[in-house]
Amino acid sequence: MNLRITCGEEEELLPVSQVPAGTCCEHQNCLKTQWDEVIFTASCMTTLIVLQLPMTNASGKPVPLFVFGNVPPAFHAFLICLTGACFGSVCSIHIRKTNPKIASFYYAFSVLSMFASLAIAFSCFVWESFKALYQLC
C-alpha cells in the first residue's frame, strides 16, 4: 500500500513502511499539525464539555454552576468567544492554501477569540474563588 506524501510543493508516493514520522529529508515538520486545527478541536471540545456541566438558573437563563456562578453575561461572552474561535479556525483551515493572506487574518481572529474566552473563564474562576473564600471567613 502506498501513501501520497506532500512535502512543500512536491508530492510522492511512498510505501507505508517508508513514510517519515513527522519530518522528511528536505523540509522540517511536513506532517505537522497546524495551530488552527488545535484551536478548532479545543474550542469544540470546550463547548461540548461546558454544556454538559450542571446548570443553575440565573435571571431565567441557564449558567454552569462550576465556573460562572450566577453571572449569565460572562457565560454568554465565553460562548461567543468560543464560537468566534471555532469560526476563525474553520475559515483558516478551509482557505489556507487558496488565499493565505485572508487565512492568516482568520487565524489571528481565532487566536484572539480563544485568548478572550480563556481570560473570561479565568477571571470568573478567580472571582468565584474569592467569593467562596470570603464566605468562609
Protein backbone atom coordinates (compact mmCIF):
# COMPACT_ATOMS: atom_id res chain seq x y z
CA MET A 1 0.00 0.00 0.00
CA ASN A 2 1.35 3.41 -1.00
CA LEU A 3 0.60 6.76 0.61
CA ARG A 4 0.76 10.14 -1.11
CA ILE A 5 3.10 12.40 0.88
CA THR A 6 3.09 16.15 0.28
CA CYS A 7 6.34 17.82 1.23
CA GLY A 8 6.38 21.52 0.44
CA GLU A 9 5.31 21.67 -3.22
CA GLU A 10 6.42 18.12 -4.01
CA GLU A 11 4.24 15.02 -3.90
CA GLU A 12 5.47 11.48 -3.93
CA LEU A 13 4.08 8.00 -3.41
CA LEU A 14 5.83 6.02 -0.68
CA PRO A 15 5.20 2.59 0.75
CA VAL A 16 3.72 2.73 4.25
CA SER A 17 6.93 1.37 5.76
CA GLN A 18 8.94 4.32 4.35
CA VAL A 19 6.62 7.17 5.44
CA PRO A 20 8.63 9.63 7.56
CA ALA A 21 7.43 10.15 11.12
CA GLY A 22 6.86 13.91 11.35
CA THR A 23 9.71 15.13 9.15
CA CYS A 24 11.20 14.45 5.76
CA CYS A 25 14.70 14.93 4.43
CA GLU A 26 14.23 18.34 2.74
CA HIS A 27 11.67 20.11 4.94
CA GLN A 28 11.13 20.10 8.66
CA ASN A 29 7.72 19.15 10.01
CA CYS A 30 5.96 18.45 6.71
CA LEU A 31 3.38 16.35 8.50
CA LYS A 32 2.88 18.80 11.35
CA THR A 33 -0.40 19.75 12.94
CA GLN A 34 -1.39 23.35 12.32
CA TRP A 35 -2.34 25.54 15.30
CA ASP A 36 -5.68 26.42 13.78
CA GLU A 37 -6.57 22.72 13.88
CA VAL A 38 -5.65 22.65 17.56
CA ILE A 39 -7.79 25.73 18.23
CA PHE A 40 -10.72 24.19 16.37
CA THR A 41 -10.50 20.97 18.37
CA ALA A 42 -10.04 22.76 21.69
CA SER A 43 -12.93 25.19 21.13
CA CYS A 44 -15.34 22.45 20.06
CA MET A 45 -14.37 20.16 22.93
CA THR A 46 -14.59 23.00 25.48
CA THR A 47 -18.04 23.97 24.23
CA LEU A 48 -19.28 20.39 24.47
CA ILE A 49 -17.82 19.93 27.95
CA VAL A 50 -19.18 23.24 29.29
CA LEU A 51 -22.68 22.47 28.03
CA GLN A 52 -22.60 19.17 29.97
CA LEU A 53 -21.81 20.84 33.32
CA PRO A 54 -24.57 21.16 35.93
CA MET A 55 -26.53 24.34 35.28
CA THR A 56 -28.37 26.76 37.53
CA ASN A 57 -30.95 29.34 36.50
CA ALA A 58 -29.75 32.90 36.97
CA SER A 59 -32.27 35.50 35.83
CA GLY A 60 -34.09 32.77 33.95
CA LYS A 61 -31.02 31.77 31.94
CA PRO A 62 -29.02 28.55 32.39
CA VAL A 63 -25.47 29.14 33.64
CA PRO A 64 -22.89 26.49 34.65
CA LEU A 65 -22.57 26.48 38.41
CA PHE A 66 -18.89 25.46 38.50
CA VAL A 67 -17.04 28.41 36.95
CA PHE A 68 -19.55 31.11 36.11
CA GLY A 69 -21.72 31.04 39.24
CA ASN A 70 -24.60 33.47 38.78
CA VAL A 71 -23.09 35.61 36.01
CA PRO A 72 -25.02 34.92 32.77
CA PRO A 73 -23.35 37.75 30.75
CA ALA A 74 -19.88 36.30 31.38
CA PHE A 75 -21.06 32.83 30.36
CA HIS A 76 -22.63 34.18 27.17
CA ALA A 77 -19.48 36.16 26.35
CA PHE A 78 -17.46 32.98 26.93
CA LEU A 79 -19.66 31.03 24.49
CA ILE A 80 -19.49 33.82 21.90
CA CYS A 81 -15.67 33.85 22.13
CA LEU A 82 -15.55 30.07 21.74
CA THR A 83 -17.84 30.33 18.72
CA GLY A 84 -15.55 33.00 17.24
CA ALA A 85 -12.51 30.80 17.81
CA CYS A 86 -14.22 27.86 16.12
CA PHE A 87 -15.40 30.04 13.21
CA GLY A 88 -11.99 31.64 12.67
CA SER A 89 -10.12 28.35 12.77
CA VAL A 90 -12.54 26.63 10.36
CA CYS A 91 -12.25 29.51 7.90
CA SER A 92 -8.47 29.49 8.28
CA ILE A 93 -8.28 25.74 7.64
CA HIS A 94 -10.62 25.98 4.66
CA ILE A 95 -8.80 28.76 2.75
CA ARG A 96 -5.26 28.11 3.99
CA LYS A 97 -3.91 27.04 0.60
CA THR A 98 -6.00 29.17 -1.76
CA ASN A 99 -5.64 32.54 -0.02
CA PRO A 100 -3.04 32.52 2.76
CA LYS A 101 -3.32 36.27 3.47
CA ILE A 102 -7.00 36.07 4.40
CA ALA A 103 -6.38 32.76 6.17
CA SER A 104 -3.84 34.50 8.41
CA PHE A 105 -6.50 37.10 9.32
CA TYR A 106 -8.94 34.34 10.29
CA TYR A 107 -6.18 32.57 12.22
CA ALA A 108 -5.43 35.76 14.19
CA PHE A 109 -9.16 36.17 14.87
CA SER A 110 -9.38 32.61 16.20
CA VAL A 111 -6.32 33.09 18.43
CA LEU A 112 -7.70 36.35 19.86
CA SER A 113 -11.10 34.76 20.44
CA MET A 114 -9.54 31.79 22.20
CA PHE A 115 -7.44 34.03 24.45
CA ALA A 116 -10.52 36.13 25.24
CA SER A 117 -12.52 33.03 26.19
CA LEU A 118 -9.68 31.82 28.40
CA ALA A 119 -9.44 35.25 30.06
CA ILE A 120 -13.18 35.32 30.74
CA ALA A 121 -13.16 31.81 32.20
CA PHE A 122 -10.09 32.53 34.34
CA SER A 123 -11.46 35.81 35.67
CA CYS A 124 -14.80 34.20 36.57
CA PHE A 125 -12.99 31.33 38.27
CA VAL A 126 -10.87 33.75 40.32
CA TRP A 127 -13.94 35.84 41.20
CA GLU A 128 -15.89 32.76 42.36
CA SER A 129 -12.87 31.56 44.34
CA PHE A 130 -12.56 34.91 46.14
CA LYS A 131 -16.29 34.91 46.88
CA ALA A 132 -16.05 31.39 48.34
CA LEU A 133 -13.05 32.36 50.47
CA TYR A 134 -14.82 35.50 51.70
CA GLN A 135 -17.87 33.45 52.72
CA LEU A 136 -15.64 31.07 54.71
CA CYS A 137 -14.20 33.93 56.79
